Amino acid sequence: MPIDYVVDHSRNIVVGTGTGTVDANALASYWRAYLTNPEVMSCRRTLVDLRDAQITFTGSELSNLVQTIVIPALHGMR
């Protein structure tokens, strides 16, 4: 997967790393895994390093993924 993450329990943060091509499908897969992980959801602090990634999704695709994956997964949490 072009974006991967680990939960750093000692710092109470999720650290993500992106490499290669990150398209809308890769971002969707990442968010589906991330947002269904109870450890991630209990922490809810994330730092993602995308310096080695080539972002190929559009703003419209990002908006669509937020609306269809992120917002429903949060169940009203802020």
C-alpha atoms as a PDB file:
ATOM      1  CA  MET A   1       0.000   0.000   0.000  1.00  0.00           C
ATOM      2  CA  PRO A   2       1.443   3.417  -0.889  1.00  0.00           C
ATOM      3  CA  ILE A   3       0.451   4.811   2.529  1.00  0.00           C
ATOM      4  CA  ASP A   4       1.139   2.850   5.683  1.00  0.00           C
ATOM      5  CA  TYR A   5       0.933   3.760   9.352  1.00  0.00           C
ATOM      6  CA  VAL A   6       1.921   2.662  12.831  1.00  0.00           C
ATOM      7  CA  VAL A   7       0.411   3.630  16.156  1.00  0.00           C
ATOM      8  CA  ASP A   8       3.072   5.055  18.471  1.00  0.00           C
ATOM      9  CA  HIS A   9       1.523   4.358  21.859  1.00  0.00           C
ATOM     10  CA  SER A  10       4.308   6.057  23.805  1.00  0.00           C
ATOM     11  CA  ARG A  11       3.607   9.402  22.074  1.00  0.00           C
ATOM     12  CA  ASN A  12      -0.102   8.756  21.504  1.00  0.00           C
ATOM     13  CA  ILE A  13       0.135   9.500  17.793  1.00  0.00           C
ATOM     14  CA  VAL A  14      -0.370   7.660  14.523  1.00  0.00           C
ATOM     15  CA  VAL A  15       2.600   8.046  12.193  1.00  0.00           C
ATOM     16  CA  GLY A  16       1.924   7.521   8.499  1.00  0.00           C
ATOM     17  CA  THR A  17       4.307   7.327   5.569  1.00  0.00           C
ATOM     18  CA  GLY A  18       3.502   7.648   1.891  1.00  0.00           C
ATOM     19  CA  THR A  19       5.724   6.384  -0.914  1.00  0.00           C
ATOM     20  CA  GLY A  20       5.233   5.961  -4.633  1.00  0.00           C
ATOM     21  CA  THR A  21       2.033   6.953  -6.362  1.00  0.00           C
ATOM     22  CA  VAL A  22      -0.889   7.820  -4.119  1.00  0.00           C
ATOM     23  CA  ASP A  23      -4.066   7.903  -6.190  1.00  0.00           C
ATOM     24  CA  ALA A  24      -7.680   8.088  -5.040  1.00  0.00           C
ATOM     25  CA  ASN A  25      -7.920   4.292  -4.738  1.00  0.00           C
ATOM     26  CA  ALA A  26      -4.818   4.148  -2.531  1.00  0.00           C
ATOM     27  CA  LEU A  27      -6.128   6.936  -0.322  1.00  0.00           C
ATOM     28  CA  ALA A  28      -9.504   5.199  -0.060  1.00  0.00           C
ATOM     29  CA  SER A  29      -7.827   1.932   0.979  1.00  0.00           C
ATOM     30  CA  TYR A  30      -5.701   3.744   3.545  1.00  0.00           C
ATOM     31  CA  TRP A  31      -8.661   5.547   5.070  1.00  0.00           C
ATOM     32  CA  ARG A  32     -10.791   2.381   5.177  1.00  0.00           C
ATOM     33  CA  ALA A  33      -8.080   0.556   7.132  1.00  0.00           C
ATOM     34  CA  TYR A  34      -7.179   3.560   9.267  1.00  0.00           C
ATOM     35  CA  LEU A  35     -10.728   4.519  10.219  1.00  0.00           C
ATOM     36  CA  THR A  36     -11.705   0.981  11.228  1.00  0.00           C
ATOM     37  CA  ASN A  37      -8.708   0.484  13.503  1.00  0.00           C
ATOM     38  CA  PRO A  38      -9.825   0.932  17.143  1.00  0.00           C
ATOM     39  CA  GLU A  39      -6.299   1.959  18.222  1.00  0.00           C
ATOM     40  CA  VAL A  40      -6.253   4.739  15.634  1.00  0.00           C
ATOM     41  CA  MET A  41      -9.705   5.946  16.551  1.00  0.00           C
ATOM     42  CA  SER A  42      -8.870   6.100  20.252  1.00  0.00           C
ATOM     43  CA  CYS A  43      -5.754   8.156  19.527  1.00  0.00           C
ATOM     44  CA  ARG A  44      -7.083  10.346  16.680  1.00  0.00           C
ATOM     45  CA  ARG A  45      -3.791  12.248  16.296  1.00  0.00           C
ATOM     46  CA  THR A  46      -1.912  11.659  13.071  1.00  0.00           C
ATOM     47  CA  LEU A  47       1.202  12.870  11.318  1.00  0.00           C
ATOM     48  CA  VAL A  48       1.665  11.665   7.728  1.00  0.00           C
ATOM     49  CA  ASP A  49       4.885  12.179   5.780  1.00  0.00           C
ATOM     50  CA  LEU A  50       4.085  12.315   2.054  1.00  0.00           C
ATOM     51  CA  ARG A  51       7.426  13.766   0.902  1.00  0.00           C
ATOM     52  CA  ASP A  52       8.305  10.565  -0.975  1.00  0.00           C
ATOM     53  CA  ALA A  53       4.836  10.191  -2.492  1.00  0.00           C
ATOM     54  CA  GLN A  54       3.491  11.387  -5.794  1.00  0.00           C
ATOM     55  CA  ILE A  55      -0.065  12.620  -5.166  1.00  0.00           C
ATOM     56  CA  THR A  56      -2.240  11.972  -8.227  1.00  0.00           C
ATOM     57  CA  PHE A  57      -5.770  12.389  -6.883  1.00  0.00           C
ATOM     58  CA  THR A  58      -7.739  15.532  -7.644  1.00  0.00           C
ATOM     59  CA  GLY A  59      -9.411  17.911  -5.239  1.00  0.00           C
ATOM     60  CA  SER A  60     -12.753  16.593  -6.405  1.00  0.00           C
ATOM     61  CA  GLU A  61     -11.695  12.993  -5.701  1.00  0.00           C
ATOM     62  CA  LEU A  62     -10.436  14.021  -2.263  1.00  0.00           C
ATOM     63  CA  SER A  63     -13.737  15.736  -1.481  1.00  0.00           C
ATOM     64  CA  ASN A  64     -15.668  12.676  -2.629  1.00  0.00           C
ATOM     65  CA  LEU A  65     -13.582  10.370  -0.411  1.00  0.00           C
ATOM     66  CA  VAL A  66     -14.053  12.633   2.599  1.00  0.00           C
ATOM     67  CA  GLN A  67     -17.818  12.629   2.031  1.00  0.00           C
ATOM     68  CA  THR A  68     -18.150   8.886   1.359  1.00  0.00           C
ATOM     69  CA  ILE A  69     -15.525   7.373   3.680  1.00  0.00           C
ATOM     70  CA  VAL A  70     -14.264   9.753   6.349  1.00  0.00           C
ATOM     71  CA  ILE A  71     -17.421  11.521   7.487  1.00  0.00           C
ATOM     72  CA  PRO A  72     -19.529   8.344   7.713  1.00  0.00           C
ATOM     73  CA  ALA A  73     -16.741   6.538   9.605  1.00  0.00           C
ATOM     74  CA  LEU A  74     -16.497   9.281  12.213  1.00  0.00           C
ATOM     75  CA  HIS A  75     -20.154   8.876  13.224  1.00  0.00           C
ATOM     76  CA  GLY A  76     -20.377  12.531  14.203  1.00  0.00           C
ATOM     77  CA  MET A  77     -17.137  12.619  16.224  1.00  0.00           C
ATOM     78  CA  ARG A  78     -15.126  15.823  16.076  1.00  0.00           C
END
